[in-house]
Amino acid sequence: MAVQPINPNDIDLSRRVIGPPPDFVISLWNELILSNWNPSSKQSYVSFRLLDTRLQEACDNVALAVEPTWHDLTKLYVERGWIVDTLKAPYEHHAEGWVFRRK
C-alpha cells in the first residue's frame, strides 16, 4: 500500500506543514479578544460564529480561502500565557467559542 493511514502522532506535524497563520489572522483574533474583554470578570469570550464571519470577510479582502486551522489558534494563545476554555456547541463539529483568561 503506497498511501498509509495517518498516525495520530503525525497530526501536529501535518498541521505545521501549512505554516503559521498570516498576520491578519492573528490580528483578527487579538481584536476579538480585546473587544470582548470584560474587566470585571477578567475574561474574554470569542464566539465561533463571529470569528468565522470575520475570517470570511478578511479573506475576501485579500482573495484567500479560509484555512480551517485558523478557526482554532488557541494553542498559540496558551503558549503566550492565556488560559483558554473551549465551549463545545451541541450537535456541531466545531467549538461554540472560547473563553480567554489570564494565568
N, C-alpha and C. Protein backbone atom coordinates (compact mmCIF):
# COMPACT_ATOMS: atom_id res chain seq x y z
N MET A 1 0.86 -1.17 0.00
CA MET A 1 0.00 0.00 0.00
C MET A 1 0.90 1.23 0.00
N ALA A 2 0.77 2.09 -1.01
CA ALA A 2 1.62 3.28 -1.15
C ALA A 2 1.23 4.38 -0.16
N VAL A 3 -0.06 4.60 0.00
CA VAL A 3 -0.54 5.63 0.93
C VAL A 3 -0.97 4.92 2.20
N GLN A 4 -0.47 5.41 3.32
CA GLN A 4 -0.76 4.81 4.62
C GLN A 4 -1.74 5.71 5.39
N PRO A 5 -2.58 5.13 6.23
CA PRO A 5 -3.40 5.94 7.11
C PRO A 5 -2.50 6.78 8.01
N ILE A 6 -2.96 7.96 8.35
CA ILE A 6 -2.16 8.86 9.17
C ILE A 6 -2.04 8.31 10.59
N ASN A 7 -0.89 8.49 11.17
CA ASN A 7 -0.61 8.09 12.54
C ASN A 7 -1.03 9.25 13.45
N PRO A 8 -1.65 8.98 14.60
CA PRO A 8 -2.05 10.08 15.49
C PRO A 8 -0.88 10.99 15.87
N ASN A 9 0.33 10.46 15.93
CA ASN A 9 1.49 11.27 16.28
C ASN A 9 1.90 12.23 15.16
N ASP A 10 1.36 12.02 13.96
CA ASP A 10 1.70 12.87 12.82
C ASP A 10 0.77 14.06 12.65
N ILE A 11 -0.28 14.12 13.45
CA ILE A 11 -1.26 15.19 13.30
C ILE A 11 -0.61 16.56 13.46
N ASP A 12 0.13 16.79 14.53
CA ASP A 12 0.77 18.09 14.72
C ASP A 12 1.75 18.39 13.60
N LEU A 13 2.47 17.39 13.15
CA LEU A 13 3.42 17.59 12.05
C LEU A 13 2.69 17.99 10.77
N SER A 14 1.56 17.36 10.48
CA SER A 14 0.85 17.68 9.24
C SER A 14 0.27 19.09 9.30
N ARG A 15 -0.13 19.54 10.46
CA ARG A 15 -0.66 20.90 10.58
C ARG A 15 0.45 21.94 10.42
N ARG A 16 1.63 21.61 10.85
CA ARG A 16 2.75 22.56 10.73
C ARG A 16 3.17 22.77 9.29
N VAL A 17 2.90 21.82 8.43
CA VAL A 17 3.27 21.95 7.03
C VAL A 17 2.57 23.14 6.40
N ILE A 18 1.38 23.44 6.86
CA ILE A 18 0.61 24.56 6.34
C ILE A 18 1.32 25.88 6.62
N GLY A 19 2.06 25.94 7.67
CA GLY A 19 2.77 27.15 8.04
C GLY A 19 1.98 27.98 9.02
N PRO A 20 2.62 29.00 9.55
CA PRO A 20 1.92 29.84 10.53
C PRO A 20 0.82 30.65 9.85
N PRO A 21 -0.18 31.05 10.62
CA PRO A 21 -1.25 31.86 10.04
C PRO A 21 -0.72 33.24 9.65
N PRO A 22 -1.32 33.86 8.64
CA PRO A 22 -0.91 35.22 8.26
C PRO A 22 -1.15 36.21 9.39
N ASP A 23 -0.44 37.31 9.36
CA ASP A 23 -0.57 38.34 10.40
C ASP A 23 -2.00 38.82 10.56
N PHE A 24 -2.75 38.96 9.46
CA PHE A 24 -4.11 39.49 9.58
C PHE A 24 -5.00 38.54 10.38
N VAL A 25 -4.70 37.24 10.37
CA VAL A 25 -5.50 36.28 11.14
C VAL A 25 -5.22 36.45 12.64
N ILE A 26 -3.96 36.58 13.00
CA ILE A 26 -3.61 36.83 14.41
C ILE A 26 -4.19 38.16 14.87
N SER A 27 -4.11 39.18 14.03
CA SER A 27 -4.68 40.50 14.36
C SER A 27 -6.18 40.40 14.60
N LEU A 28 -6.86 39.61 13.80
CA LEU A 28 -8.29 39.44 13.96
C LEU A 28 -8.61 38.77 15.28
N TRP A 29 -7.89 37.69 15.62
CA TRP A 29 -8.08 37.04 16.92
C TRP A 29 -7.81 38.03 18.06
N ASN A 30 -6.71 38.78 17.96
CA ASN A 30 -6.38 39.76 19.01
C ASN A 30 -7.50 40.79 19.17
N GLU A 31 -8.01 41.26 18.05
CA GLU A 31 -9.08 42.26 18.08
C GLU A 31 -10.33 41.71 18.76
N LEU A 32 -10.69 40.46 18.45
CA LEU A 32 -11.87 39.86 19.07
C LEU A 32 -11.67 39.66 20.58
N ILE A 33 -10.48 39.25 20.97
CA ILE A 33 -10.20 39.08 22.41
C ILE A 33 -10.29 40.43 23.12
N LEU A 34 -9.67 41.45 22.54
CA LEU A 34 -9.69 42.78 23.16
C LEU A 34 -11.09 43.38 23.19
N SER A 35 -11.82 43.27 22.10
CA SER A 35 -13.14 43.91 22.04
C SER A 35 -14.16 43.22 22.95
N ASN A 36 -13.91 41.98 23.29
CA ASN A 36 -14.83 41.25 24.16
C ASN A 36 -14.32 41.12 25.59
N TRP A 37 -13.26 41.82 25.91
CA TRP A 37 -12.69 41.74 27.26
C TRP A 37 -13.65 42.34 28.27
N ASN A 38 -13.90 41.58 29.33
CA ASN A 38 -14.77 42.03 30.41
C ASN A 38 -13.87 42.29 31.62
N PRO A 39 -13.67 43.57 31.98
CA PRO A 39 -12.75 43.88 33.08
C PRO A 39 -13.22 43.35 34.44
N SER A 40 -14.53 43.23 34.63
CA SER A 40 -14.99 42.75 35.94
C SER A 40 -14.77 41.24 36.09
N SER A 41 -14.99 40.47 35.04
CA SER A 41 -14.76 39.03 35.14
C SER A 41 -13.34 38.64 34.72
N LYS A 42 -12.62 39.62 34.16
CA LYS A 42 -11.24 39.41 33.70
C LYS A 42 -11.14 38.25 32.72
N GLN A 43 -12.07 38.26 31.76
CA GLN A 43 -12.05 37.25 30.72
C GLN A 43 -12.69 37.80 29.44
N SER A 44 -12.46 37.09 28.36
CA SER A 44 -12.99 37.48 27.06
C SER A 44 -13.61 36.26 26.41
N TYR A 45 -14.80 36.43 25.83
CA TYR A 45 -15.46 35.35 25.12
C TYR A 45 -15.39 35.64 23.63
N VAL A 46 -14.88 34.68 22.86
CA VAL A 46 -14.82 34.79 21.41
C VAL A 46 -15.73 33.72 20.83
N SER A 47 -16.74 34.15 20.09
CA SER A 47 -17.71 33.23 19.51
C SER A 47 -17.20 32.68 18.18
N PHE A 48 -17.43 31.40 17.94
CA PHE A 48 -17.02 30.78 16.67
C PHE A 48 -17.72 31.47 15.50
N ARG A 49 -19.00 31.73 15.63
CA ARG A 49 -19.75 32.34 14.51
C ARG A 49 -19.20 33.71 14.14
N LEU A 50 -18.90 34.53 15.15
CA LEU A 50 -18.33 35.84 14.86
C LEU A 50 -16.94 35.70 14.25
N LEU A 51 -16.13 34.81 14.80
CA LEU A 51 -14.81 34.57 14.26
C LEU A 51 -14.90 34.13 12.81
N ASP A 52 -15.79 33.19 12.52
CA ASP A 52 -15.94 32.68 11.16
C ASP A 52 -16.36 33.79 10.20
N THR A 53 -17.31 34.60 10.60
CA THR A 53 -17.76 35.72 9.76
C THR A 53 -16.61 36.68 9.48
N ARG A 54 -15.88 37.04 10.52
CA ARG A 54 -14.77 37.98 10.35
C ARG A 54 -13.65 37.40 9.50
N LEU A 55 -13.37 36.09 9.65
CA LEU A 55 -12.36 35.44 8.81
C LEU A 55 -12.78 35.45 7.35
N GLN A 56 -14.05 35.15 7.10
CA GLN A 56 -14.55 35.16 5.72
C GLN A 56 -14.42 36.55 5.10
N GLU A 57 -14.80 37.57 5.86
CA GLU A 57 -14.69 38.95 5.37
C GLU A 57 -13.24 39.32 5.09
N ALA A 58 -12.36 38.99 6.01
CA ALA A 58 -10.94 39.32 5.86
C ALA A 58 -10.33 38.59 4.66
N CYS A 59 -10.69 37.35 4.49
CA CYS A 59 -10.13 36.58 3.37
C CYS A 59 -10.67 37.06 2.04
N ASP A 60 -11.93 37.50 2.01
CA ASP A 60 -12.47 38.07 0.78
C ASP A 60 -11.69 39.31 0.37
N ASN A 61 -11.25 40.09 1.36
CA ASN A 61 -10.49 41.32 1.08
C ASN A 61 -9.12 41.04 0.49
N VAL A 62 -8.54 39.89 0.80
CA VAL A 62 -7.19 39.58 0.28
C VAL A 62 -7.21 38.39 -0.68
N ALA A 63 -8.41 38.00 -1.12
CA ALA A 63 -8.59 36.92 -2.10
C ALA A 63 -7.93 35.62 -1.67
N LEU A 64 -8.17 35.22 -0.42
CA LEU A 64 -7.67 33.95 0.10
C LEU A 64 -8.85 33.10 0.54
N ALA A 65 -8.63 31.81 0.56
CA ALA A 65 -9.61 30.91 1.16
C ALA A 65 -9.28 30.78 2.64
N VAL A 66 -10.30 30.64 3.45
CA VAL A 66 -10.09 30.46 4.89
C VAL A 66 -9.47 29.08 5.12
N GLU A 67 -8.36 29.06 5.80
CA GLU A 67 -7.71 27.80 6.18
C GLU A 67 -8.41 27.30 7.44
N PRO A 68 -8.91 26.07 7.45
CA PRO A 68 -9.65 25.57 8.63
C PRO A 68 -8.88 25.68 9.94
N THR A 69 -7.58 25.57 9.92
CA THR A 69 -6.82 25.65 11.17
C THR A 69 -6.86 27.05 11.78
N TRP A 70 -7.23 28.06 11.02
CA TRP A 70 -7.31 29.42 11.56
C TRP A 70 -8.47 29.58 12.52
N HIS A 71 -9.42 28.65 12.51
CA HIS A 71 -10.56 28.72 13.42
C HIS A 71 -10.20 28.34 14.85
N ASP A 72 -9.05 27.76 15.04
CA ASP A 72 -8.66 27.42 16.41
C ASP A 72 -7.16 27.62 16.59
N LEU A 73 -6.82 28.84 16.97
CA LEU A 73 -5.41 29.18 17.23
C LEU A 73 -5.15 29.25 18.72
N THR A 74 -6.03 28.63 19.51
CA THR A 74 -5.92 28.76 20.96
C THR A 74 -4.59 28.23 21.49
N LYS A 75 -4.01 27.25 20.84
CA LYS A 75 -2.73 26.71 21.29
C LYS A 75 -1.66 27.82 21.30
N LEU A 76 -1.71 28.70 20.31
CA LEU A 76 -0.76 29.82 20.27
C LEU A 76 -0.96 30.76 21.46
N TYR A 77 -2.21 30.96 21.83
CA TYR A 77 -2.51 31.87 22.95
C TYR A 77 -2.16 31.24 24.29
N VAL A 78 -2.33 29.94 24.41
CA VAL A 78 -1.91 29.24 25.63
C VAL A 78 -0.39 29.37 25.79
N GLU A 79 0.34 29.24 24.68
CA GLU A 79 1.79 29.39 24.72
C GLU A 79 2.21 30.80 25.13
N ARG A 80 1.34 31.79 24.89
CA ARG A 80 1.63 33.18 25.25
C ARG A 80 1.15 33.55 26.65
N GLY A 81 0.57 32.57 27.38
CA GLY A 81 0.23 32.85 28.77
C GLY A 81 -1.24 32.91 29.10
N TRP A 82 -2.12 32.58 28.17
CA TRP A 82 -3.55 32.60 28.43
C TRP A 82 -4.03 31.23 28.91
N ILE A 83 -5.09 31.24 29.70
CA ILE A 83 -5.87 30.04 29.97
C ILE A 83 -7.04 30.13 29.00
N VAL A 84 -7.24 29.09 28.20
CA VAL A 84 -8.31 29.11 27.20
C VAL A 84 -9.23 27.91 27.43
N ASP A 85 -10.49 28.21 27.66
CA ASP A 85 -11.50 27.17 27.80
C ASP A 85 -12.31 27.12 26.51
N THR A 86 -12.44 25.93 25.96
CA THR A 86 -13.24 25.74 24.75
C THR A 86 -14.64 25.35 25.15
N LEU A 87 -15.61 26.09 24.64
CA LEU A 87 -17.01 25.79 24.89
C LEU A 87 -17.54 25.00 23.70
N LYS A 88 -18.02 23.81 23.96
CA LYS A 88 -18.50 22.93 22.89
C LYS A 88 -19.94 23.26 22.53
N ALA A 89 -20.17 23.32 21.23
CA ALA A 89 -21.53 23.54 20.74
C ALA A 89 -22.22 22.19 20.58
N PRO A 90 -23.42 22.06 21.12
CA PRO A 90 -24.12 20.78 20.97
C PRO A 90 -24.45 20.53 19.50
N TYR A 91 -24.22 19.32 19.06
CA TYR A 91 -24.55 18.89 17.70
C TYR A 91 -23.77 19.62 16.62
N GLU A 92 -22.66 20.20 16.93
CA GLU A 92 -21.82 20.89 15.95
C GLU A 92 -20.46 20.21 15.90
N HIS A 93 -19.77 20.38 14.78
CA HIS A 93 -18.43 19.80 14.64
C HIS A 93 -17.34 20.77 15.06
N HIS A 94 -17.73 21.91 15.56
CA HIS A 94 -16.76 22.93 15.97
C HIS A 94 -17.13 23.46 17.35
N ALA A 95 -16.24 24.26 17.89
CA ALA A 95 -16.49 24.87 19.20
C ALA A 95 -17.56 25.95 19.07
N GLU A 96 -18.28 26.17 20.14
CA GLU A 96 -19.22 27.29 20.20
C GLU A 96 -18.42 28.59 20.33
N GLY A 97 -17.33 28.49 21.07
CA GLY A 97 -16.49 29.66 21.29
C GLY A 97 -15.42 29.33 22.32
N TRP A 98 -14.70 30.37 22.71
CA TRP A 98 -13.59 30.20 23.64
C TRP A 98 -13.62 31.31 24.68
N VAL A 99 -13.23 30.97 25.89
CA VAL A 99 -13.09 31.95 26.95
C VAL A 99 -11.61 32.08 27.26
N PHE A 100 -11.12 33.30 27.19
CA PHE A 100 -9.71 33.60 27.44
C PHE A 100 -9.59 34.26 28.81
N ARG A 101 -8.71 33.74 29.65
CA ARG A 101 -8.45 34.31 30.97
C ARG A 101 -6.95 34.41 31.18
N ARG A 102 -6.56 35.35 32.02
CA ARG A 102 -5.13 35.45 32.39
C ARG A 102 -4.74 34.31 33.28
N LYS A 103 -3.49 33.88 33.17
CA LYS A 103 -2.96 32.84 34.08
C LYS A 103 -2.71 33.45 35.43
